[in-house]
Amino acid sequence: MQKPIDGIWHNETITGVPVLLTAINSNGDTVNVGTVTTDGYYGTFSKSWTPPAEGEYKIIASFAGDDSYGGSSAATSVTVGQEASTPTATPQIQTNIDNTMTIIGTGIAIIIAVIISVAVAVLLLRKR
């Protein structure tokens, strides 16, 4: 029976569940990162944490379960520390050249040349 997430009368506030976060380093040492509460609507969570040392860590999120849902867990890995420095090429930004002023300047020069040619022709015809 599907019901709206916020209740039949849209008056329910959903709270998340506690999730225990544990980190295991490459030596197998376990570090308790802490317990967080998930977002009740999406199941997401976050935690700021500074590991004790650089290296690779497997992060395990564990939900112990409750009256309505059994326990579950998930894991991911992160590497903490400096990455190997690889030089990256600086991307060259392509710029389109704006030729508007060149076109306007050329047009004005042509108009001036035509005006001068017409003026010279008129002066030469008058002298004859």
N, C-alpha and C. Protein backbone atom coordinates (compact mmCIF):
# COMPACT_ATOMS: atom_id res chain seq x y z
N MET A 1 0.84 -1.18 0.00
CA MET A 1 0.00 0.00 0.00
C MET A 1 0.89 1.24 0.00
N GLN A 2 0.91 1.94 -1.11
CA GLN A 2 1.75 3.13 -1.25
C GLN A 2 1.07 4.32 -0.59
N LYS A 3 1.84 5.01 0.23
CA LYS A 3 1.34 6.20 0.90
C LYS A 3 2.33 7.33 0.66
N PRO A 4 1.89 8.59 0.72
CA PRO A 4 2.83 9.70 0.56
C PRO A 4 3.93 9.64 1.62
N ILE A 5 5.10 10.10 1.27
CA ILE A 5 6.24 10.03 2.18
C ILE A 5 6.02 10.84 3.45
N ASP A 6 5.20 11.87 3.35
CA ASP A 6 4.94 12.69 4.53
C ASP A 6 3.58 12.37 5.17
N GLY A 7 3.04 11.18 4.94
CA GLY A 7 1.81 10.74 5.56
C GLY A 7 0.58 11.01 4.72
N ILE A 8 -0.50 10.35 5.07
CA ILE A 8 -1.75 10.50 4.31
C ILE A 8 -2.24 11.94 4.36
N TRP A 9 -2.10 12.58 5.49
CA TRP A 9 -2.60 13.95 5.66
C TRP A 9 -1.49 14.98 5.47
N HIS A 10 -0.33 14.56 4.99
CA HIS A 10 0.83 15.43 4.76
C HIS A 10 1.24 16.18 6.02
N ASN A 11 1.17 15.49 7.15
CA ASN A 11 1.50 16.12 8.42
C ASN A 11 2.60 15.37 9.17
N GLU A 12 3.26 14.44 8.52
CA GLU A 12 4.31 13.66 9.16
C GLU A 12 5.68 14.25 8.84
N THR A 13 6.54 14.28 9.83
CA THR A 13 7.93 14.69 9.61
C THR A 13 8.79 13.45 9.74
N ILE A 14 9.55 13.20 8.73
CA ILE A 14 10.37 11.99 8.71
C ILE A 14 11.76 12.33 9.25
N THR A 15 12.22 11.51 10.15
CA THR A 15 13.58 11.68 10.65
C THR A 15 14.43 10.54 10.12
N GLY A 16 15.70 10.79 10.00
CA GLY A 16 16.61 9.78 9.48
C GLY A 16 16.98 8.76 10.55
N VAL A 17 17.91 7.89 10.18
CA VAL A 17 18.36 6.84 11.09
C VAL A 17 19.84 7.03 11.36
N PRO A 18 20.33 6.52 12.49
CA PRO A 18 21.76 6.65 12.79
C PRO A 18 22.59 5.68 11.95
N VAL A 19 23.70 6.17 11.43
CA VAL A 19 24.62 5.36 10.64
C VAL A 19 26.01 5.51 11.26
N LEU A 20 26.64 4.40 11.56
CA LEU A 20 27.99 4.39 12.13
C LEU A 20 29.00 4.36 10.99
N LEU A 21 29.95 5.29 11.01
CA LEU A 21 30.99 5.36 9.98
C LEU A 21 32.31 4.87 10.56
N THR A 22 32.92 3.94 9.88
CA THR A 22 34.19 3.35 10.30
C THR A 22 35.16 3.41 9.13
N ALA A 23 36.41 3.76 9.42
CA ALA A 23 37.45 3.80 8.39
C ALA A 23 38.48 2.72 8.69
N ILE A 24 38.92 2.04 7.65
CA ILE A 24 39.98 1.02 7.79
C ILE A 24 41.10 1.42 6.85
N ASN A 25 42.31 1.62 7.40
CA ASN A 25 43.44 2.03 6.55
C ASN A 25 44.07 0.81 5.89
N SER A 26 45.10 1.03 5.07
CA SER A 26 45.72 -0.06 4.32
C SER A 26 46.44 -1.06 5.22
N ASN A 27 46.75 -0.68 6.46
CA ASN A 27 47.38 -1.60 7.42
C ASN A 27 46.35 -2.44 8.16
N GLY A 28 45.06 -2.15 7.96
CA GLY A 28 44.00 -2.88 8.66
C GLY A 28 43.58 -2.24 9.96
N ASP A 29 44.16 -1.07 10.29
CA ASP A 29 43.79 -0.37 11.51
C ASP A 29 42.41 0.26 11.33
N THR A 30 41.57 0.14 12.35
CA THR A 30 40.21 0.66 12.31
C THR A 30 40.13 1.98 13.08
N VAL A 31 39.43 2.94 12.48
CA VAL A 31 39.24 4.25 13.10
C VAL A 31 37.73 4.53 13.13
N ASN A 32 37.19 4.87 14.29
CA ASN A 32 35.78 5.25 14.39
C ASN A 32 35.64 6.69 13.92
N VAL A 33 34.96 6.90 12.81
CA VAL A 33 34.78 8.23 12.25
C VAL A 33 33.66 8.96 12.98
N GLY A 34 32.64 8.24 13.40
CA GLY A 34 31.53 8.85 14.12
C GLY A 34 30.20 8.32 13.65
N THR A 35 29.15 8.78 14.28
CA THR A 35 27.79 8.41 13.91
C THR A 35 27.09 9.64 13.35
N VAL A 36 26.41 9.45 12.23
CA VAL A 36 25.67 10.53 11.58
C VAL A 36 24.21 10.11 11.46
N THR A 37 23.33 11.06 11.26
CA THR A 37 21.92 10.77 11.03
C THR A 37 21.60 11.05 9.57
N THR A 38 20.97 10.10 8.93
CA THR A 38 20.64 10.26 7.51
C THR A 38 19.52 11.27 7.32
N ASP A 39 19.41 11.78 6.13
CA ASP A 39 18.28 12.61 5.75
C ASP A 39 17.09 11.66 5.61
N GLY A 40 16.00 11.94 6.28
CA GLY A 40 14.86 11.04 6.30
C GLY A 40 14.18 10.86 4.95
N TYR A 41 14.29 11.84 4.08
CA TYR A 41 13.61 11.76 2.79
C TYR A 41 14.45 11.10 1.72
N TYR A 42 15.77 11.24 1.81
CA TYR A 42 16.64 10.74 0.74
C TYR A 42 17.60 9.64 1.19
N GLY A 43 17.84 9.55 2.48
CA GLY A 43 18.77 8.54 2.98
C GLY A 43 20.22 8.94 2.87
N THR A 44 20.49 10.16 2.48
CA THR A 44 21.87 10.62 2.32
C THR A 44 22.42 11.13 3.65
N PHE A 45 23.74 11.23 3.72
CA PHE A 45 24.39 11.75 4.92
C PHE A 45 25.76 12.26 4.53
N SER A 46 26.36 13.02 5.42
CA SER A 46 27.72 13.50 5.18
C SER A 46 28.42 13.66 6.52
N LYS A 47 29.75 13.69 6.46
CA LYS A 47 30.55 13.83 7.68
C LYS A 47 31.90 14.42 7.30
N SER A 48 32.30 15.47 8.00
CA SER A 48 33.65 16.01 7.83
C SER A 48 34.57 15.24 8.76
N TRP A 49 35.73 14.87 8.25
CA TRP A 49 36.64 14.04 9.03
C TRP A 49 38.06 14.23 8.52
N THR A 50 39.00 14.37 9.41
CA THR A 50 40.41 14.44 9.05
C THR A 50 41.08 13.15 9.51
N PRO A 51 41.58 12.34 8.59
CA PRO A 51 42.20 11.07 8.97
C PRO A 51 43.51 11.29 9.70
N PRO A 52 43.93 10.32 10.50
CA PRO A 52 45.16 10.48 11.26
C PRO A 52 46.43 10.45 10.41
N ALA A 53 46.36 9.85 9.22
CA ALA A 53 47.55 9.76 8.37
C ALA A 53 47.11 9.67 6.91
N GLU A 54 48.06 9.92 6.01
CA GLU A 54 47.79 9.78 4.58
C GLU A 54 47.66 8.30 4.24
N GLY A 55 47.03 8.02 3.13
CA GLY A 55 46.90 6.65 2.66
C GLY A 55 45.51 6.36 2.16
N GLU A 56 45.28 5.09 1.86
CA GLU A 56 43.97 4.66 1.37
C GLU A 56 43.13 4.18 2.54
N TYR A 57 41.87 4.59 2.54
CA TYR A 57 40.93 4.21 3.59
C TYR A 57 39.68 3.62 2.96
N LYS A 58 39.21 2.53 3.54
CA LYS A 58 37.90 2.00 3.19
C LYS A 58 36.94 2.56 4.23
N ILE A 59 35.91 3.25 3.77
CA ILE A 59 34.93 3.85 4.66
C ILE A 59 33.69 2.96 4.64
N ILE A 60 33.28 2.48 5.80
CA ILE A 60 32.12 1.60 5.90
C ILE A 60 31.01 2.32 6.66
N ALA A 61 29.84 2.36 6.07
CA ALA A 61 28.65 2.94 6.70
C ALA A 61 27.76 1.78 7.12
N SER A 62 27.44 1.71 8.42
CA SER A 62 26.65 0.59 8.95
C SER A 62 25.40 1.11 9.64
N PHE A 63 24.26 0.53 9.25
CA PHE A 63 22.99 0.81 9.92
C PHE A 63 22.63 -0.45 10.70
N ALA A 64 22.43 -0.32 11.99
CA ALA A 64 22.19 -1.48 12.85
C ALA A 64 20.80 -2.08 12.65
N GLY A 65 19.87 -1.33 12.10
CA GLY A 65 18.52 -1.82 11.92
C GLY A 65 17.61 -1.27 13.00
N ASP A 66 16.30 -1.36 12.77
CA ASP A 66 15.32 -0.94 13.77
C ASP A 66 14.08 -1.81 13.62
N ASP A 67 12.97 -1.39 14.20
CA ASP A 67 11.75 -2.20 14.17
C ASP A 67 11.17 -2.37 12.77
N SER A 68 11.46 -1.42 11.88
CA SER A 68 10.83 -1.47 10.56
C SER A 68 11.77 -1.89 9.44
N TYR A 69 13.08 -1.95 9.71
CA TYR A 69 14.01 -2.25 8.63
C TYR A 69 15.23 -2.95 9.21
N GLY A 70 15.68 -3.97 8.52
CA GLY A 70 16.84 -4.72 8.99
C GLY A 70 18.13 -3.94 8.79
N GLY A 71 19.18 -4.40 9.41
CA GLY A 71 20.48 -3.76 9.30
C GLY A 71 21.06 -3.85 7.90
N SER A 72 21.92 -2.91 7.57
CA SER A 72 22.59 -2.90 6.26
C SER A 72 23.89 -2.13 6.37
N SER A 73 24.71 -2.29 5.34
CA SER A 73 25.97 -1.54 5.30
C SER A 73 26.39 -1.34 3.86
N ALA A 74 27.29 -0.39 3.66
CA ALA A 74 27.86 -0.10 2.35
C ALA A 74 29.27 0.42 2.57
N ALA A 75 30.10 0.33 1.54
CA ALA A 75 31.49 0.78 1.69
C ALA A 75 31.96 1.47 0.42
N THR A 76 32.96 2.33 0.61
CA THR A 76 33.65 2.97 -0.50
C THR A 76 35.08 3.21 -0.06
N SER A 77 35.94 3.58 -0.98
CA SER A 77 37.34 3.84 -0.63
C SER A 77 37.74 5.23 -1.07
N VAL A 78 38.64 5.83 -0.28
CA VAL A 78 39.19 7.14 -0.61
C VAL A 78 40.69 7.10 -0.36
N THR A 79 41.42 7.89 -1.08
CA THR A 79 42.84 8.04 -0.85
C THR A 79 43.08 9.44 -0.33
N VAL A 80 43.80 9.54 0.76
CA VAL A 80 44.06 10.82 1.40
C VAL A 80 45.54 11.12 1.27
N GLY A 81 45.87 12.30 0.80
CA GLY A 81 47.27 12.70 0.68
C GLY A 81 47.53 13.38 -0.64
N GLN A 82 48.78 13.59 -0.89
CA GLN A 82 49.17 14.27 -2.12
C GLN A 82 49.18 13.28 -3.27
N GLU A 83 48.61 13.72 -4.38
CA GLU A 83 48.64 12.91 -5.58
C GLU A 83 49.98 13.10 -6.26
N ALA A 84 50.32 12.12 -7.08
CA ALA A 84 51.53 12.27 -7.88
C ALA A 84 51.33 13.47 -8.80
N SER A 85 52.32 14.33 -8.78
CA SER A 85 52.21 15.55 -9.57
C SER A 85 52.45 15.24 -11.04
N THR A 86 51.44 15.44 -11.82
CA THR A 86 51.58 15.28 -13.26
C THR A 86 51.32 16.63 -13.90
N PRO A 87 52.27 17.07 -14.71
CA PRO A 87 52.07 18.38 -15.33
C PRO A 87 50.87 18.33 -16.28
N THR A 88 50.06 19.33 -16.18
CA THR A 88 48.92 19.42 -17.07
C THR A 88 49.12 20.60 -18.00
N ALA A 89 48.75 20.38 -19.22
CA ALA A 89 48.89 21.45 -20.21
C ALA A 89 47.83 22.51 -19.95
N THR A 90 48.25 23.75 -20.00
CA THR A 90 47.31 24.84 -19.84
C THR A 90 46.48 24.95 -21.11
N PRO A 91 45.18 24.86 -21.00
CA PRO A 91 44.36 24.92 -22.21
C PRO A 91 44.45 26.31 -22.86
N GLN A 92 44.59 26.31 -24.15
CA GLN A 92 44.63 27.55 -24.90
C GLN A 92 43.20 27.98 -25.18
N ILE A 93 42.87 29.17 -24.75
CA ILE A 93 41.52 29.66 -24.95
C ILE A 93 41.41 30.23 -26.36
N GLN A 94 40.45 29.69 -27.10
CA GLN A 94 40.21 30.17 -28.45
C GLN A 94 39.45 31.49 -28.37
N THR A 95 39.98 32.51 -29.00
CA THR A 95 39.27 33.79 -29.02
C THR A 95 38.91 34.11 -30.46
N ASN A 96 37.70 34.51 -30.65
CA ASN A 96 37.26 34.93 -31.97
C ASN A 96 37.68 36.38 -32.16
N ILE A 97 38.32 36.64 -33.28
CA ILE A 97 38.77 37.98 -33.58
C ILE A 97 37.59 38.79 -34.09
N ASP A 98 37.38 39.96 -33.50
CA ASP A 98 36.29 40.83 -33.90
C ASP A 98 36.79 41.76 -34.99
N ASN A 99 36.31 41.55 -36.21
CA ASN A 99 36.75 42.32 -37.37
C ASN A 99 35.84 43.51 -37.67
N THR A 100 34.95 43.83 -36.76
CA THR A 100 33.99 44.90 -37.01
C THR A 100 34.68 46.23 -37.30
N MET A 101 35.63 46.61 -36.47
CA MET A 101 36.30 47.91 -36.66
C MET A 101 37.11 47.93 -37.96
N THR A 102 37.69 46.81 -38.34
CA THR A 102 38.45 46.75 -39.60
C THR A 102 37.51 46.95 -40.79
N ILE A 103 36.35 46.31 -40.74
CA ILE A 103 35.38 46.45 -41.83
C ILE A 103 34.86 47.89 -41.90
N ILE A 104 34.54 48.49 -40.75
CA ILE A 104 34.06 49.88 -40.72
C ILE A 104 35.15 50.81 -41.24
N GLY A 105 36.38 50.63 -40.78
CA GLY A 105 37.49 51.48 -41.24
C GLY A 105 37.71 51.37 -42.73
N THR A 106 37.64 50.16 -43.28
CA THR A 106 37.81 49.96 -44.72
C THR A 106 36.68 50.64 -45.49
N GLY A 107 35.46 50.52 -44.98
CA GLY A 107 34.32 51.17 -45.63
C GLY A 107 34.47 52.68 -45.67
N ILE A 108 34.91 53.26 -44.55
CA ILE A 108 35.11 54.72 -44.49
C ILE A 108 36.22 55.14 -45.45
N ALA A 109 37.31 54.34 -45.49
CA ALA A 109 38.41 54.68 -46.41
C ALA A 109 37.95 54.65 -47.87
N ILE A 110 37.11 53.68 -48.21
CA ILE A 110 36.60 53.60 -49.59
C ILE A 110 35.70 54.80 -49.89
N ILE A 111 34.85 55.16 -48.93
CA ILE A 111 33.96 56.31 -49.15
C ILE A 111 34.78 57.58 -49.33
N ILE A 112 35.81 57.77 -48.49
CA ILE A 112 36.66 58.97 -48.62
C ILE A 112 37.38 58.97 -49.96
N ALA A 113 37.87 57.79 -50.40
CA ALA A 113 38.56 57.71 -51.70
C ALA A 113 37.61 58.06 -52.84
N VAL A 114 36.38 57.61 -52.77
CA VAL A 114 35.39 57.92 -53.82
C VAL A 114 35.09 59.42 -53.81
N ILE A 115 34.93 60.02 -52.61
CA ILE A 115 34.64 61.46 -52.52
C ILE A 115 35.80 62.26 -53.10
N ILE A 116 37.03 61.88 -52.78
CA ILE A 116 38.20 62.60 -53.32
C ILE A 116 38.26 62.45 -54.83
N SER A 117 38.00 61.24 -55.35
CA SER A 117 38.04 61.01 -56.81
C SER A 117 36.99 61.85 -57.51
N VAL A 118 35.79 61.91 -56.93
CA VAL A 118 34.72 62.70 -57.54
C VAL A 118 35.09 64.19 -57.49
N ALA A 119 35.66 64.64 -56.36
CA ALA A 119 36.04 66.05 -56.24
C ALA A 119 37.13 66.40 -57.25
N VAL A 120 38.10 65.54 -57.43
CA VAL A 120 39.17 65.80 -58.41
C VAL A 120 38.59 65.83 -59.81
N ALA A 121 37.69 64.88 -60.10
CA ALA A 121 37.08 64.85 -61.44
C ALA A 121 36.29 66.11 -61.71
N VAL A 122 35.54 66.59 -60.70
CA VAL A 122 34.75 67.81 -60.88
C VAL A 122 35.69 69.01 -61.09
N LEU A 123 36.78 69.10 -60.34
CA LEU A 123 37.70 70.20 -60.52
C LEU A 123 38.36 70.17 -61.89
N LEU A 124 38.71 69.00 -62.37
CA LEU A 124 39.34 68.89 -63.70
C LEU A 124 38.37 69.26 -64.81
N LEU A 125 37.11 68.86 -64.65
CA LEU A 125 36.11 69.18 -65.67
C LEU A 125 35.78 70.67 -65.69
N ARG A 126 35.85 71.36 -64.56
CA ARG A 126 35.57 72.78 -64.49
C ARG A 126 36.67 73.60 -65.18
N LYS A 127 37.89 73.14 -65.07
CA LYS A 127 39.00 73.89 -65.66
C LYS A 127 38.98 73.82 -67.18
N ARG A 128 38.32 72.91 -67.74
CA ARG A 128 38.32 72.79 -69.19
C ARG A 128 37.33 73.67 -69.79
